[in-house]
Amino acid sequence: MNYHNKKFKTVESSDNGAVSADTLFEYKQVGNIVTAKYCGGEIVSGHLIGIVAENGSINMRYHQVNLKDELMTGSCFSKPEVLPNGKIRLYESWKWTSGDASSGKSILEEQ
């Protein structure tokens, strides 16, 4: 699975998450390394970097600055599903490594 030049939006997230339907992720991939820039909603600027496994899952780390000028960091594991229309849905399990160190889940869909 290749995520290069794909865009994703959040369709669902735990209440303690920072992403929303207004957050847009723009992915790039070279080899098995994926990166993304993201912003929107409560997030002013965010970046992630991860490693894509053979099955398309991603083990990643992220950092972002929110509207309160807080620098937040975390880790995430994303499992892909290819939808009937060929688009990718990502099921994410994440954990803040800053702030309250809570964890949650999100679902992103390719735009």
Protein backbone atom coordinates (compact mmCIF):
# COMPACT_ATOMS: atom_id res chain seq x y z
CA MET A 1 0.00 0.00 0.00
CA ASN A 2 1.30 3.44 -0.89
CA TYR A 3 0.10 6.66 0.76
CA HIS A 4 2.01 9.07 -1.49
CA ASN A 5 0.03 12.22 -2.35
CA LYS A 6 -3.10 10.98 -0.56
CA LYS A 7 -5.26 13.31 1.53
CA PHE A 8 -7.27 12.21 4.56
CA LYS A 9 -9.93 13.79 6.77
CA THR A 10 -11.15 12.70 10.18
CA VAL A 11 -14.59 11.09 10.24
CA GLU A 12 -14.54 10.04 13.91
CA SER A 13 -12.35 10.68 16.97
CA SER A 14 -12.35 10.17 20.72
CA ASP A 15 -13.37 13.21 22.76
CA ASN A 16 -9.82 13.67 24.07
CA GLY A 17 -8.43 13.92 20.52
CA ALA A 18 -7.44 17.14 18.79
CA VAL A 19 -8.43 16.28 15.21
CA SER A 20 -11.84 17.03 13.71
CA ALA A 21 -13.65 16.94 10.38
CA ASP A 22 -11.84 20.24 9.64
CA THR A 23 -8.38 18.64 9.91
CA LEU A 24 -6.75 17.77 6.57
CA PHE A 25 -3.77 15.39 6.38
CA GLU A 26 -1.52 15.43 3.28
CA TYR A 27 0.61 12.28 3.08
CA LYS A 28 3.91 11.67 1.26
CA GLN A 29 5.73 8.34 1.06
CA VAL A 30 9.23 7.31 -0.05
CA GLY A 31 9.95 3.60 0.29
CA ASN A 32 8.36 2.50 3.55
CA ILE A 33 8.67 5.91 5.23
CA VAL A 34 5.53 8.04 5.33
CA THR A 35 5.29 11.69 6.39
CA ALA A 36 2.37 14.08 6.53
CA LYS A 37 1.55 17.68 7.21
CA TYR A 38 -1.81 18.45 8.75
CA CYS A 39 -3.83 21.41 10.00
CA GLY A 40 -7.37 22.59 10.51
CA GLY A 41 -9.86 22.81 13.32
CA GLU A 42 -7.97 23.15 16.62
CA ILE A 43 -4.62 22.35 14.96
CA VAL A 44 -2.53 25.21 13.58
CA SER A 45 0.30 22.99 12.31
CA GLY A 46 1.13 19.31 12.66
CA HIS A 47 3.54 16.75 11.25
CA LEU A 48 3.85 12.99 11.46
CA ILE A 49 6.44 10.43 10.46
CA GLY A 50 5.98 6.70 10.34
CA ILE A 51 6.98 3.35 8.94
CA VAL A 52 4.59 1.47 6.67
CA ALA A 53 4.50 -2.31 7.14
CA GLU A 54 3.88 -4.79 4.29
CA ASN A 55 0.19 -4.98 5.23
CA GLY A 56 -0.14 -1.18 4.96
CA SER A 57 -0.33 -0.50 8.70
CA ILE A 58 1.60 2.53 9.95
CA ASN A 59 3.55 2.93 13.19
CA MET A 60 3.98 6.68 13.59
CA ARG A 61 4.86 9.60 15.84
CA TYR A 62 3.30 13.05 15.60
CA HIS A 63 3.71 16.57 16.93
CA GLN A 64 1.44 19.57 16.56
CA VAL A 65 0.71 23.10 17.76
CA ASN A 66 -2.90 23.91 18.62
CA LEU A 67 -4.86 27.18 18.78
CA LYS A 68 -3.79 27.60 22.44
CA ASP A 69 -0.11 27.61 21.33
CA GLU A 70 0.43 24.25 23.04
CA LEU A 71 2.99 21.85 21.59
CA MET A 72 1.49 18.35 21.72
CA THR A 73 3.15 15.02 20.87
CA GLY A 74 1.99 11.46 20.52
CA SER A 75 2.28 8.02 19.00
CA CYS A 76 -0.20 6.26 16.75
CA PHE A 77 -0.81 2.92 15.05
CA SER A 78 -2.99 3.01 11.91
CA LYS A 79 -4.60 -0.02 10.29
CA PRO A 80 -5.92 0.48 6.73
CA GLU A 81 -9.08 -0.81 5.09
CA VAL A 82 -9.67 -0.42 1.34
CA LEU A 83 -13.27 0.66 0.81
CA PRO A 84 -15.46 -0.57 -2.10
CA ASN A 85 -14.79 2.73 -3.92
CA GLY A 86 -10.99 2.09 -3.73
CA LYS A 87 -10.38 4.79 -1.11
CA ILE A 88 -8.50 4.03 2.11
CA ARG A 89 -9.98 4.22 5.61
CA LEU A 90 -7.50 4.33 8.52
CA TYR A 91 -8.42 2.97 11.94
CA GLU A 92 -6.11 4.69 14.40
CA SER A 93 -5.18 3.91 18.00
CA TRP A 94 -3.18 6.77 19.50
CA LYS A 95 -1.69 7.97 22.75
CA TRP A 96 -0.58 11.42 23.82
CA THR A 97 3.05 11.53 24.98
CA SER A 98 2.43 15.04 26.30
CA GLY A 99 -0.39 16.63 28.26
CA ASP A 100 -2.54 14.09 30.11
CA ALA A 101 -0.94 11.06 28.35
CA SER A 102 -4.43 9.69 27.57
CA SER A 103 -5.20 7.46 24.62
CA GLY A 104 -7.99 7.23 22.08
CA LYS A 105 -9.13 6.16 18.64
CA SER A 106 -9.79 7.95 15.36
CA ILE A 107 -10.99 7.03 11.90
CA LEU A 108 -9.66 8.88 8.83
CA GLU A 109 -10.86 8.53 5.25
CA GLU A 110 -9.10 9.32 2.01
CA GLN A 111 -10.54 12.33 0.19
